N, C-alpha and C. Protein backbone atom coordinates (compact mmCIF):
# COMPACT_ATOMS: atom_id res chain seq x y z
N PRO A 1 215.78 231.96 7.83
CA PRO A 1 216.21 233.15 7.09
C PRO A 1 216.74 232.81 5.69
N GLU A 2 217.22 231.57 5.49
CA GLU A 2 217.81 231.20 4.20
C GLU A 2 216.80 231.34 3.05
N TYR A 3 215.52 231.08 3.34
CA TYR A 3 214.49 231.19 2.32
C TYR A 3 213.44 232.24 2.67
N ASP A 4 213.82 233.23 3.44
CA ASP A 4 212.94 234.35 3.77
C ASP A 4 212.78 235.20 2.51
N LEU A 5 211.60 235.18 1.94
CA LEU A 5 211.38 235.86 0.67
C LEU A 5 211.55 237.38 0.75
N GLY A 6 211.60 237.91 1.95
CA GLY A 6 211.84 239.34 2.12
C GLY A 6 213.32 239.69 2.16
N ALA A 7 214.16 238.68 2.29
CA ALA A 7 215.60 238.91 2.41
C ALA A 7 216.24 239.11 1.03
N PRO A 8 217.22 240.01 0.96
CA PRO A 8 217.89 240.25 -0.32
C PRO A 8 218.57 238.98 -0.83
N GLY A 9 218.49 238.75 -2.12
CA GLY A 9 219.18 237.63 -2.73
C GLY A 9 218.43 236.32 -2.75
N VAL A 10 217.38 236.19 -1.96
CA VAL A 10 216.65 234.92 -1.89
C VAL A 10 215.96 234.60 -3.21
N GLU A 11 215.31 235.59 -3.82
CA GLU A 11 214.63 235.34 -5.09
C GLU A 11 215.63 234.87 -6.14
N LYS A 12 216.78 235.49 -6.19
CA LYS A 12 217.80 235.12 -7.17
C LYS A 12 218.24 233.67 -6.94
N ARG A 13 218.45 233.29 -5.67
CA ARG A 13 218.85 231.91 -5.35
C ARG A 13 217.76 230.92 -5.74
N LEU A 14 216.50 231.28 -5.48
CA LEU A 14 215.39 230.39 -5.84
C LEU A 14 215.27 230.24 -7.35
N ARG A 15 215.45 231.33 -8.08
CA ARG A 15 215.39 231.26 -9.55
C ARG A 15 216.47 230.30 -10.06
N LYS A 16 217.67 230.44 -9.51
CA LYS A 16 218.79 229.59 -9.91
C LYS A 16 218.47 228.12 -9.61
N LEU A 17 217.93 227.87 -8.44
CA LEU A 17 217.57 226.51 -8.04
C LEU A 17 216.50 225.94 -8.97
N LEU A 18 215.48 226.74 -9.28
CA LEU A 18 214.41 226.28 -10.16
C LEU A 18 214.93 225.95 -11.56
N LYS A 19 215.94 226.65 -12.01
CA LYS A 19 216.51 226.44 -13.34
C LYS A 19 217.58 225.35 -13.36
N SER A 20 217.99 224.87 -12.19
CA SER A 20 219.11 223.93 -12.10
C SER A 20 218.79 222.51 -12.53
N GLY A 21 217.52 222.16 -12.59
CA GLY A 21 217.16 220.78 -12.92
C GLY A 21 217.04 219.89 -11.69
N CYS A 22 217.36 220.43 -10.52
CA CYS A 22 217.29 219.66 -9.28
C CYS A 22 215.88 219.61 -8.69
N VAL A 23 215.04 220.52 -9.10
CA VAL A 23 213.68 220.62 -8.55
C VAL A 23 212.72 219.85 -9.44
N LYS A 24 211.89 219.00 -8.82
CA LYS A 24 210.95 218.18 -9.58
C LYS A 24 209.52 218.70 -9.53
N GLY A 25 209.22 219.57 -8.58
CA GLY A 25 207.89 220.14 -8.44
C GLY A 25 207.91 221.27 -7.42
N VAL A 26 206.92 222.12 -7.49
CA VAL A 26 206.88 223.30 -6.62
C VAL A 26 205.47 223.49 -6.06
N CYS A 27 205.41 223.93 -4.82
CA CYS A 27 204.14 224.29 -4.19
C CYS A 27 204.34 225.64 -3.50
N PHE A 28 203.51 226.61 -3.85
CA PHE A 28 203.59 227.92 -3.24
C PHE A 28 202.51 228.07 -2.18
N ALA A 29 202.81 228.73 -1.11
CA ALA A 29 201.85 229.01 -0.05
C ALA A 29 201.97 230.48 0.33
N THR A 30 201.61 231.33 -0.60
CA THR A 30 201.67 232.77 -0.36
C THR A 30 200.70 233.12 0.76
N PRO A 31 201.14 233.86 1.79
CA PRO A 31 200.23 234.20 2.90
C PRO A 31 198.95 234.87 2.40
N CYS A 32 197.83 234.44 2.93
CA CYS A 32 196.53 234.96 2.47
C CYS A 32 195.99 236.04 3.40
N THR A 33 196.80 236.55 4.28
CA THR A 33 196.35 237.52 5.28
C THR A 33 195.46 238.61 4.70
N SER A 34 195.87 239.20 3.60
CA SER A 34 195.06 240.28 3.02
C SER A 34 194.27 239.82 1.80
N PHE A 35 194.45 238.56 1.36
CA PHE A 35 193.74 238.05 0.19
C PHE A 35 192.52 237.22 0.54
N SER A 36 192.36 236.86 1.80
CA SER A 36 191.28 235.98 2.22
C SER A 36 189.89 236.63 2.04
N LEU A 37 188.92 235.83 1.61
CA LEU A 37 187.54 236.32 1.50
C LEU A 37 186.99 236.69 2.88
N ALA A 38 187.53 236.10 3.93
CA ALA A 38 187.09 236.43 5.28
C ALA A 38 187.33 237.90 5.61
N ARG A 39 188.28 238.51 4.91
CA ARG A 39 188.57 239.94 5.12
C ARG A 39 187.35 240.80 4.81
N TYR A 40 186.51 240.33 3.90
CA TYR A 40 185.35 241.12 3.48
C TYR A 40 184.41 241.41 4.65
N ARG A 41 184.43 240.56 5.67
CA ARG A 41 183.56 240.77 6.84
C ARG A 41 183.96 242.01 7.62
N THR A 42 185.25 242.33 7.63
CA THR A 42 185.70 243.49 8.40
C THR A 42 185.88 244.73 7.52
N ASN A 43 186.62 244.57 6.43
CA ASN A 43 186.84 245.67 5.51
C ASN A 43 187.33 245.09 4.19
N ASP A 44 186.73 245.51 3.12
CA ASP A 44 187.09 244.97 1.81
C ASP A 44 188.30 245.69 1.23
N ILE A 45 189.48 245.33 1.73
CA ILE A 45 190.70 246.01 1.29
C ILE A 45 191.16 245.54 -0.09
N ARG A 46 190.61 244.41 -0.56
CA ARG A 46 190.82 243.91 -1.92
C ARG A 46 189.49 243.38 -2.41
N ASN A 47 189.36 243.27 -3.72
CA ASN A 47 188.20 242.58 -4.30
C ASN A 47 188.58 242.15 -5.71
N LYS A 48 187.65 241.52 -6.41
CA LYS A 48 187.95 241.02 -7.77
C LYS A 48 188.35 242.15 -8.71
N GLN A 49 187.71 243.29 -8.55
CA GLN A 49 188.00 244.42 -9.42
C GLN A 49 189.35 245.07 -9.08
N TYR A 50 189.71 245.04 -7.81
CA TYR A 50 190.95 245.67 -7.35
C TYR A 50 191.77 244.66 -6.53
N PRO A 51 192.38 243.68 -7.20
CA PRO A 51 193.13 242.65 -6.46
C PRO A 51 194.39 243.18 -5.76
N TRP A 52 194.90 244.33 -6.19
CA TRP A 52 196.10 244.89 -5.55
C TRP A 52 195.75 245.90 -4.47
N GLY A 53 194.48 246.13 -4.22
CA GLY A 53 194.05 247.04 -3.17
C GLY A 53 192.86 247.88 -3.61
N ASN A 54 191.82 247.87 -2.80
CA ASN A 54 190.59 248.61 -3.10
C ASN A 54 190.79 250.09 -2.79
N PRO A 55 190.64 250.97 -3.79
CA PRO A 55 190.82 252.40 -3.53
C PRO A 55 189.67 253.02 -2.72
N ARG A 56 188.53 252.30 -2.65
CA ARG A 56 187.38 252.82 -1.91
C ARG A 56 186.77 251.74 -1.01
N PRO A 57 187.51 251.32 0.03
CA PRO A 57 186.94 250.31 0.93
C PRO A 57 185.78 250.90 1.74
N ARG A 58 184.99 250.02 2.35
CA ARG A 58 183.84 250.49 3.15
C ARG A 58 184.28 251.35 4.32
N HIS A 59 185.43 251.02 4.91
CA HIS A 59 185.95 251.76 6.07
C HIS A 59 187.35 252.24 5.74
N PRO A 60 187.81 253.29 6.39
CA PRO A 60 189.20 253.74 6.16
C PRO A 60 190.18 252.60 6.44
N ILE A 61 191.24 252.54 5.65
CA ILE A 61 192.24 251.49 5.82
C ILE A 61 193.17 251.86 6.97
N SER A 62 193.28 250.97 7.93
CA SER A 62 194.15 251.20 9.08
C SER A 62 195.61 251.02 8.66
N ALA A 63 196.51 251.46 9.50
CA ALA A 63 197.94 251.29 9.24
C ALA A 63 198.27 249.79 9.13
N HIS A 64 197.64 248.98 9.98
CA HIS A 64 197.86 247.53 9.95
C HIS A 64 197.40 246.95 8.61
N ASP A 65 196.22 247.35 8.13
CA ASP A 65 195.72 246.87 6.85
C ASP A 65 196.58 247.36 5.68
N ARG A 66 197.05 248.59 5.77
CA ARG A 66 197.91 249.14 4.72
C ARG A 66 199.21 248.33 4.62
N GLU A 67 199.76 247.97 5.77
CA GLU A 67 200.98 247.15 5.79
C GLU A 67 200.68 245.74 5.28
N SER A 68 199.52 245.22 5.63
CA SER A 68 199.11 243.91 5.16
C SER A 68 198.98 243.91 3.63
N LEU A 69 198.43 244.95 3.06
CA LEU A 69 198.35 245.10 1.61
C LEU A 69 199.74 245.17 0.98
N ARG A 70 200.61 245.97 1.57
CA ARG A 70 201.96 246.15 1.03
C ARG A 70 202.71 244.82 0.99
N VAL A 71 202.71 244.11 2.12
CA VAL A 71 203.42 242.84 2.21
C VAL A 71 202.76 241.79 1.31
N GLY A 72 201.45 241.74 1.32
CA GLY A 72 200.74 240.79 0.47
C GLY A 72 201.03 241.01 -1.00
N ASN A 73 201.03 242.26 -1.44
CA ASN A 73 201.32 242.59 -2.83
C ASN A 73 202.75 242.20 -3.19
N LYS A 74 203.68 242.51 -2.29
CA LYS A 74 205.09 242.20 -2.54
C LYS A 74 205.28 240.69 -2.69
N LEU A 75 204.70 239.92 -1.78
CA LEU A 75 204.87 238.46 -1.83
C LEU A 75 204.12 237.84 -3.01
N MET A 76 202.96 238.38 -3.36
CA MET A 76 202.23 237.83 -4.51
C MET A 76 202.99 238.11 -5.81
N LYS A 77 203.55 239.30 -5.94
CA LYS A 77 204.31 239.62 -7.15
C LYS A 77 205.54 238.73 -7.27
N LEU A 78 206.21 238.48 -6.15
CA LEU A 78 207.36 237.58 -6.15
C LEU A 78 206.92 236.17 -6.51
N THR A 79 205.81 235.71 -5.95
CA THR A 79 205.29 234.38 -6.26
C THR A 79 205.00 234.27 -7.75
N LEU A 80 204.38 235.28 -8.33
CA LEU A 80 204.06 235.25 -9.76
C LEU A 80 205.31 235.22 -10.62
N ARG A 81 206.36 235.92 -10.21
CA ARG A 81 207.63 235.87 -10.95
C ARG A 81 208.21 234.46 -10.90
N LEU A 82 208.13 233.82 -9.73
CA LEU A 82 208.66 232.46 -9.60
C LEU A 82 207.79 231.45 -10.37
N VAL A 83 206.49 231.67 -10.40
CA VAL A 83 205.60 230.81 -11.19
C VAL A 83 205.99 230.88 -12.66
N ARG A 84 206.31 232.07 -13.14
CA ARG A 84 206.73 232.21 -14.55
C ARG A 84 207.99 231.39 -14.83
N VAL A 85 208.92 231.37 -13.88
CA VAL A 85 210.12 230.55 -14.02
C VAL A 85 209.73 229.07 -14.07
N CYS A 86 208.84 228.67 -13.20
CA CYS A 86 208.38 227.27 -13.17
C CYS A 86 207.74 226.88 -14.50
N ILE A 87 206.93 227.75 -15.05
CA ILE A 87 206.29 227.48 -16.35
C ILE A 87 207.35 227.33 -17.43
N ALA A 88 208.31 228.24 -17.45
CA ALA A 88 209.38 228.19 -18.45
C ALA A 88 210.21 226.91 -18.32
N GLU A 89 210.34 226.40 -17.09
CA GLU A 89 211.15 225.20 -16.83
C GLU A 89 210.29 223.93 -16.83
N ASN A 90 209.00 224.06 -17.14
CA ASN A 90 208.07 222.92 -17.14
C ASN A 90 208.01 222.20 -15.79
N LEU A 91 208.03 222.98 -14.73
CA LEU A 91 207.93 222.40 -13.38
C LEU A 91 206.48 222.40 -12.91
N PRO A 92 205.99 221.24 -12.47
CA PRO A 92 204.61 221.19 -11.95
C PRO A 92 204.50 221.84 -10.59
């Protein structure tokens, strides 16, 4: 739970840690549940044109897929914010 990206305050703590000089490198592993190309076999809920969610998928989006999109978008946006911090701090 200390580094649960969904928990309040975790992003702020990570930003502080990244700026502290204690971190020498970073590796992100954002869940690919809704970003995987394998998803295209069942329903194209994302694509290159609509990376945040396809407004016209081949099949109606189920509640499970809608939640997968929501969580995936939230975590990807957080990852991108942290990547910006890493770039500013020259962290590989």
